[in-house]
Amino acid sequence: MATHARDRLLQTAEELFYAEGIHAVGVERLLAVSGVGRASFYRHFTGKDALVAAVLTRRDESWRAWLEDAVDARGGGPLAVFDALAEGAADVNFHGCAFINAMAEVSDPASEVYRLAAAHKQAVTDFLDRLLEAAGHSRHSELAPQFALLMDGAIVTAMRERNAAPTLLARRMAERLLD
């Protein structure tokens, strides 16, 4: 069924791109791992760039939904984002942020990949702003980008150090920003 082929391509591409990188995974590998034929691939996507854009769009929606749910489950406060990140960073399959990784691979700010990654980061910052405002922080619009910077730094450092400790350090730093 056509929809299943598209879903398999998206799922396979998301997993492989996240684990190995966008440039490291070619169309042939995607087809082999997903079990989808070349004609079916091109029926759903004009090429690899279109697939990458679809993967990032899907990842943005699922990751932000996960973050919102994880924050809600931890009481809904702005510091809960760091507790959620700690959970993700502790996973053996943690490879950092798919959007930071994509921006590092596709550094052209005019590209669709870069635009989607930047839009994701802005949406996360907007979410942080709403959390901070709801928690009664009058400087929420100033604090939100600072929290986003701490999150990004914690994610990259957790990827390098292969543990969740940087996310907990970032949480302590964020607490001081709220004083």
C-alpha atoms as a PDB file:
ATOM      1  CA  MET A   1       0.000   0.000   0.000  1.00  0.00           C
ATOM      2  CA  ALA A   2       1.359   3.421  -0.996  1.00  0.00           C
ATOM      3  CA  THR A   3       0.858   5.048   2.387  1.00  0.00           C
ATOM      4  CA  HIS A   4       2.753   2.241   4.093  1.00  0.00           C
ATOM      5  CA  ALA A   5       5.684   2.697   1.730  1.00  0.00           C
ATOM      6  CA  ARG A   6       5.783   6.426   2.510  1.00  0.00           C
ATOM      7  CA  ASP A   7       5.599   5.740   6.238  1.00  0.00           C
ATOM      8  CA  ARG A   8       8.369   3.119   6.001  1.00  0.00           C
ATOM      9  CA  LEU A   9      10.562   5.544   4.090  1.00  0.00           C
ATOM     10  CA  LEU A  10       9.970   8.301   6.637  1.00  0.00           C
ATOM     11  CA  GLN A  11      10.575   6.023   9.616  1.00  0.00           C
ATOM     12  CA  THR A  12      13.691   4.468   8.119  1.00  0.00           C
ATOM     13  CA  ALA A  13      15.089   7.826   7.036  1.00  0.00           C
ATOM     14  CA  GLU A  14      14.417   9.384  10.435  1.00  0.00           C
ATOM     15  CA  GLU A  15      16.227   6.560  12.219  1.00  0.00           C
ATOM     16  CA  LEU A  16      19.186   6.426   9.832  1.00  0.00           C
ATOM     17  CA  PHE A  17      19.628  10.195   9.481  1.00  0.00           C
ATOM     18  CA  TYR A  18      19.554  10.604  13.266  1.00  0.00           C
ATOM     19  CA  ALA A  19      21.978   7.769  13.964  1.00  0.00           C
ATOM     20  CA  GLU A  20      24.385   8.252  11.052  1.00  0.00           C
ATOM     21  CA  GLY A  21      23.795  11.661   9.492  1.00  0.00           C
ATOM     22  CA  ILE A  22      21.956  12.965   6.457  1.00  0.00           C
ATOM     23  CA  HIS A  23      24.925  12.925   4.088  1.00  0.00           C
ATOM     24  CA  ALA A  24      26.124   9.506   5.231  1.00  0.00           C
ATOM     25  CA  VAL A  25      22.888   7.793   4.209  1.00  0.00           C
ATOM     26  CA  GLY A  26      22.189   7.502   0.514  1.00  0.00           C
ATOM     27  CA  VAL A  27      18.964   6.710  -1.304  1.00  0.00           C
ATOM     28  CA  GLU A  28      20.135   3.168  -2.100  1.00  0.00           C
ATOM     29  CA  ARG A  29      20.598   2.423   1.592  1.00  0.00           C
ATOM     30  CA  LEU A  30      17.218   3.948   2.455  1.00  0.00           C
ATOM     31  CA  LEU A  31      15.551   1.758  -0.159  1.00  0.00           C
ATOM     32  CA  ALA A  32      17.345  -1.383   1.019  1.00  0.00           C
ATOM     33  CA  VAL A  33      16.597  -0.881   4.714  1.00  0.00           C
ATOM     34  CA  SER A  34      12.994   0.289   4.215  1.00  0.00           C
ATOM     35  CA  GLY A  35      12.190  -2.384   1.634  1.00  0.00           C
ATOM     36  CA  VAL A  36      10.612   0.257  -0.601  1.00  0.00           C
ATOM     37  CA  GLY A  37      11.257   0.240  -4.327  1.00  0.00           C
ATOM     38  CA  ARG A  38      12.806   3.099  -6.252  1.00  0.00           C
ATOM     39  CA  ALA A  39       9.608   3.851  -8.202  1.00  0.00           C
ATOM     40  CA  SER A  40       7.630   4.031  -4.968  1.00  0.00           C
ATOM     41  CA  PHE A  41      10.251   6.341  -3.448  1.00  0.00           C
ATOM     42  CA  TYR A  42       9.939   8.771  -6.355  1.00  0.00           C
ATOM     43  CA  ARG A  43       6.156   8.518  -6.287  1.00  0.00           C
ATOM     44  CA  HIS A  44       6.254   9.978  -2.770  1.00  0.00           C
ATOM     45  CA  PHE A  45       9.307  12.249  -2.893  1.00  0.00           C
ATOM     46  CA  THR A  46      10.985  14.225  -5.665  1.00  0.00           C
ATOM     47  CA  GLY A  47      14.353  13.225  -4.229  1.00  0.00           C
ATOM     48  CA  LYS A  48      16.397  12.893  -1.067  1.00  0.00           C
ATOM     49  CA  ASP A  49      16.092  16.603  -0.227  1.00  0.00           C
ATOM     50  CA  ALA A  50      12.300  16.330  -0.200  1.00  0.00           C
ATOM     51  CA  LEU A  51      12.551  13.252   2.028  1.00  0.00           C
ATOM     52  CA  VAL A  52      14.884  15.082   4.425  1.00  0.00           C
ATOM     53  CA  ALA A  53      12.409  17.979   4.619  1.00  0.00           C
ATOM     54  CA  ALA A  54       9.528  15.586   5.317  1.00  0.00           C
ATOM     55  CA  VAL A  55      11.567  13.800   7.997  1.00  0.00           C
ATOM     56  CA  LEU A  56      12.418  17.078   9.725  1.00  0.00           C
ATOM     57  CA  THR A  57       8.801  18.248   9.589  1.00  0.00           C
ATOM     58  CA  ARG A  58       7.639  14.977  11.112  1.00  0.00           C
ATOM     59  CA  ARG A  59      10.428  14.989  13.714  1.00  0.00           C
ATOM     60  CA  ASP A  60       9.576  18.561  14.701  1.00  0.00           C
ATOM     61  CA  GLU A  61       5.956  17.648  15.366  1.00  0.00           C
ATOM     62  CA  SER A  62       6.740  14.462  17.283  1.00  0.00           C
ATOM     63  CA  TRP A  63       9.625  15.900  19.310  1.00  0.00           C
ATOM     64  CA  ARG A  64       7.756  19.016  20.384  1.00  0.00           C
ATOM     65  CA  ALA A  65       4.711  16.914  21.323  1.00  0.00           C
ATOM     66  CA  TRP A  66       7.025  14.655  23.359  1.00  0.00           C
ATOM     67  CA  LEU A  67       8.577  17.679  25.078  1.00  0.00           C
ATOM     68  CA  GLU A  68       5.197  19.189  25.957  1.00  0.00           C
ATOM     69  CA  ASP A  69       3.965  15.861  27.344  1.00  0.00           C
ATOM     70  CA  ALA A  70       7.199  15.305  29.273  1.00  0.00           C
ATOM     71  CA  VAL A  71       7.041  18.793  30.792  1.00  0.00           C
ATOM     72  CA  ASP A  72       3.371  18.334  31.726  1.00  0.00           C
ATOM     73  CA  ALA A  73       4.184  14.983  33.352  1.00  0.00           C
ATOM     74  CA  ARG A  74       6.816  16.740  35.456  1.00  0.00           C
ATOM     75  CA  GLY A  75       4.511  19.482  36.726  1.00  0.00           C
ATOM     76  CA  GLY A  76       4.533  21.887  33.784  1.00  0.00           C
ATOM     77  CA  GLY A  77       7.207  24.267  35.063  1.00  0.00           C
ATOM     78  CA  PRO A  78       9.925  25.665  32.820  1.00  0.00           C
ATOM     79  CA  LEU A  79      12.724  23.774  34.594  1.00  0.00           C
ATOM     80  CA  ALA A  80      11.023  20.493  33.694  1.00  0.00           C
ATOM     81  CA  VAL A  81      12.406  20.825  30.155  1.00  0.00           C
ATOM     82  CA  PHE A  82      15.841  19.968  31.523  1.00  0.00           C
ATOM     83  CA  ASP A  83      14.512  16.926  33.375  1.00  0.00           C
ATOM     84  CA  ALA A  84      12.935  15.766  30.118  1.00  0.00           C
ATOM     85  CA  LEU A  85      16.211  16.319  28.268  1.00  0.00           C
ATOM     86  CA  ALA A  86      18.034  14.299  30.928  1.00  0.00           C
ATOM     87  CA  GLU A  87      15.734  11.375  30.213  1.00  0.00           C
ATOM     88  CA  GLY A  88      16.449  11.604  26.489  1.00  0.00           C
ATOM     89  CA  ALA A  89      20.198  12.015  26.969  1.00  0.00           C
ATOM     90  CA  ALA A  90      20.345   8.893  29.127  1.00  0.00           C
ATOM     91  CA  ASP A  91      19.029   6.747  26.252  1.00  0.00           C
ATOM     92  CA  VAL A  92      21.682   4.554  24.604  1.00  0.00           C
ATOM     93  CA  ASN A  93      20.410   5.665  21.188  1.00  0.00           C
ATOM     94  CA  PHE A  94      20.870   9.360  21.979  1.00  0.00           C
ATOM     95  CA  HIS A  95      22.672  11.174  19.156  1.00  0.00           C
ATOM     96  CA  GLY A  96      22.018  14.775  20.157  1.00  0.00           C
ATOM     97  CA  CYS A  97      19.466  17.028  18.505  1.00  0.00           C
ATOM     98  CA  ALA A  98      18.353  16.053  15.013  1.00  0.00           C
ATOM     99  CA  PHE A  99      17.953  19.740  14.154  1.00  0.00           C
ATOM    100  CA  ILE A 100      21.369  20.857  15.396  1.00  0.00           C
ATOM    101  CA  ASN A 101      22.838  17.886  13.544  1.00  0.00           C
ATOM    102  CA  ALA A 102      20.984  18.851  10.349  1.00  0.00           C
ATOM    103  CA  MET A 103      22.136  22.470  10.582  1.00  0.00           C
ATOM    104  CA  ALA A 104      25.725  21.300  11.048  1.00  0.00           C
ATOM    105  CA  GLU A 105      25.502  19.122   7.937  1.00  0.00           C
ATOM    106  CA  VAL A 106      23.625  21.588   5.756  1.00  0.00           C
ATOM    107  CA  SER A 107      25.110  24.922   6.678  1.00  0.00           C
ATOM    108  CA  ASP A 108      23.508  26.960   3.891  1.00  0.00           C
ATOM    109  CA  PRO A 109      20.991  29.239   5.664  1.00  0.00           C
ATOM    110  CA  ALA A 110      18.991  29.493   2.436  1.00  0.00           C
ATOM    111  CA  SER A 111      18.370  25.733   2.284  1.00  0.00           C
ATOM    112  CA  GLU A 112      15.066  24.126   3.207  1.00  0.00           C
ATOM    113  CA  VAL A 113      16.791  21.892   5.767  1.00  0.00           C
ATOM    114  CA  TYR A 114      18.351  24.861   7.532  1.00  0.00           C
ATOM    115  CA  ARG A 115      15.052  26.778   7.428  1.00  0.00           C
ATOM    116  CA  LEU A 116      13.147  23.847   8.950  1.00  0.00           C
ATOM    117  CA  ALA A 117      15.761  23.372  11.668  1.00  0.00           C
ATOM    118  CA  ALA A 118      15.745  27.086  12.520  1.00  0.00           C
ATOM    119  CA  ALA A 119      11.931  27.076  12.620  1.00  0.00           C
ATOM    120  CA  HIS A 120      12.044  24.135  15.038  1.00  0.00           C
ATOM    121  CA  LYS A 121      14.438  25.997  17.321  1.00  0.00           C
ATOM    122  CA  GLN A 122      12.177  29.062  17.242  1.00  0.00           C
ATOM    123  CA  ALA A 123       9.130  26.932  18.067  1.00  0.00           C
ATOM    124  CA  VAL A 124      10.972  25.454  21.066  1.00  0.00           C
ATOM    125  CA  THR A 125      11.940  28.956  22.209  1.00  0.00           C
ATOM    126  CA  ASP A 126       8.298  30.046  21.855  1.00  0.00           C
ATOM    127  CA  PHE A 127       7.244  27.055  23.968  1.00  0.00           C
ATOM    128  CA  LEU A 128       9.782  28.043  26.623  1.00  0.00           C
ATOM    129  CA  ASP A 129       8.446  31.594  26.546  1.00  0.00           C
ATOM    130  CA  ARG A 130       4.911  30.317  27.188  1.00  0.00           C
ATOM    131  CA  LEU A 131       6.122  28.112  30.052  1.00  0.00           C
ATOM    132  CA  LEU A 132       8.032  30.957  31.657  1.00  0.00           C
ATOM    133  CA  GLU A 133       5.139  33.380  31.264  1.00  0.00           C
ATOM    134  CA  ALA A 134       2.665  30.858  32.704  1.00  0.00           C
ATOM    135  CA  ALA A 135       5.006  30.391  35.681  1.00  0.00           C
ATOM    136  CA  GLY A 136       4.797  34.143  36.347  1.00  0.00           C
ATOM    137  CA  HIS A 137       8.241  35.236  35.169  1.00  0.00           C
ATOM    138  CA  SER A 138       7.922  38.828  33.987  1.00  0.00           C
ATOM    139  CA  ARG A 139      11.164  38.567  32.000  1.00  0.00           C
ATOM    140  CA  HIS A 140       9.901  35.520  30.072  1.00  0.00           C
ATOM    141  CA  SER A 141      10.787  36.929  26.649  1.00  0.00           C
ATOM    142  CA  GLU A 142      14.360  37.568  27.814  1.00  0.00           C
ATOM    143  CA  LEU A 143      14.668  34.218  29.598  1.00  0.00           C
ATOM    144  CA  ALA A 144      13.254  31.980  26.852  1.00  0.00           C
ATOM    145  CA  PRO A 145      16.204  32.325  24.446  1.00  0.00           C
ATOM    146  CA  GLN A 146      18.598  31.863  27.372  1.00  0.00           C
ATOM    147  CA  PHE A 147      16.838  28.620  28.309  1.00  0.00           C
ATOM    148  CA  ALA A 148      16.974  27.535  24.645  1.00  0.00           C
ATOM    149  CA  LEU A 149      20.719  28.203  24.580  1.00  0.00           C
ATOM    150  CA  LEU A 150      21.174  26.165  27.759  1.00  0.00           C
ATOM    151  CA  MET A 151      19.127  23.347  26.242  1.00  0.00           C
ATOM    152  CA  ASP A 152      21.164  23.302  23.023  1.00  0.00           C
ATOM    153  CA  GLY A 153      24.447  23.433  24.911  1.00  0.00           C
ATOM    154  CA  ALA A 154      23.332  20.667  27.254  1.00  0.00           C
ATOM    155  CA  ILE A 155      22.262  18.455  24.346  1.00  0.00           C
ATOM    156  CA  VAL A 156      25.542  18.871  22.482  1.00  0.00           C
ATOM    157  CA  THR A 157      27.589  18.327  25.644  1.00  0.00           C
ATOM    158  CA  ALA A 158      25.522  15.289  26.645  1.00  0.00           C
ATOM    159  CA  MET A 159      26.151  13.837  23.204  1.00  0.00           C
ATOM    160  CA  ARG A 160      29.885  14.396  23.576  1.00  0.00           C
ATOM    161  CA  GLU A 161      30.081  13.086  27.139  1.00  0.00           C
ATOM    162  CA  ARG A 162      27.594  10.222  26.529  1.00  0.00           C
ATOM    163  CA  ASN A 163      25.581  10.899  29.699  1.00  0.00           C
ATOM    164  CA  ALA A 164      22.806  13.096  31.060  1.00  0.00           C
ATOM    165  CA  ALA A 165      24.905  15.103  33.542  1.00  0.00           C
ATOM    166  CA  PRO A 166      25.119  18.204  31.285  1.00  0.00           C
ATOM    167  CA  THR A 167      21.336  18.490  31.167  1.00  0.00           C
ATOM    168  CA  LEU A 168      21.176  18.540  34.967  1.00  0.00           C
ATOM    169  CA  LEU A 169      23.948  21.151  35.105  1.00  0.00           C
ATOM    170  CA  ALA A 170      21.989  23.250  32.599  1.00  0.00           C
ATOM    171  CA  ARG A 171      18.939  22.910  34.874  1.00  0.00           C
ATOM    172  CA  ARG A 172      20.911  24.310  37.814  1.00  0.00           C
ATOM    173  CA  MET A 173      22.116  27.187  35.634  1.00  0.00           C
ATOM    174  CA  ALA A 174      18.535  27.875  34.525  1.00  0.00           C
ATOM    175  CA  GLU A 175      17.408  27.916  38.167  1.00  0.00           C
ATOM    176  CA  ARG A 176      19.896  30.712  38.833  1.00  0.00           C
ATOM    177  CA  LEU A 177      18.485  32.675  35.895  1.00  0.00           C
ATOM    178  CA  LEU A 178      15.079  32.560  37.569  1.00  0.00           C
ATOM    179  CA  ASP A 179      16.348  34.123  40.834  1.00  0.00           C
END
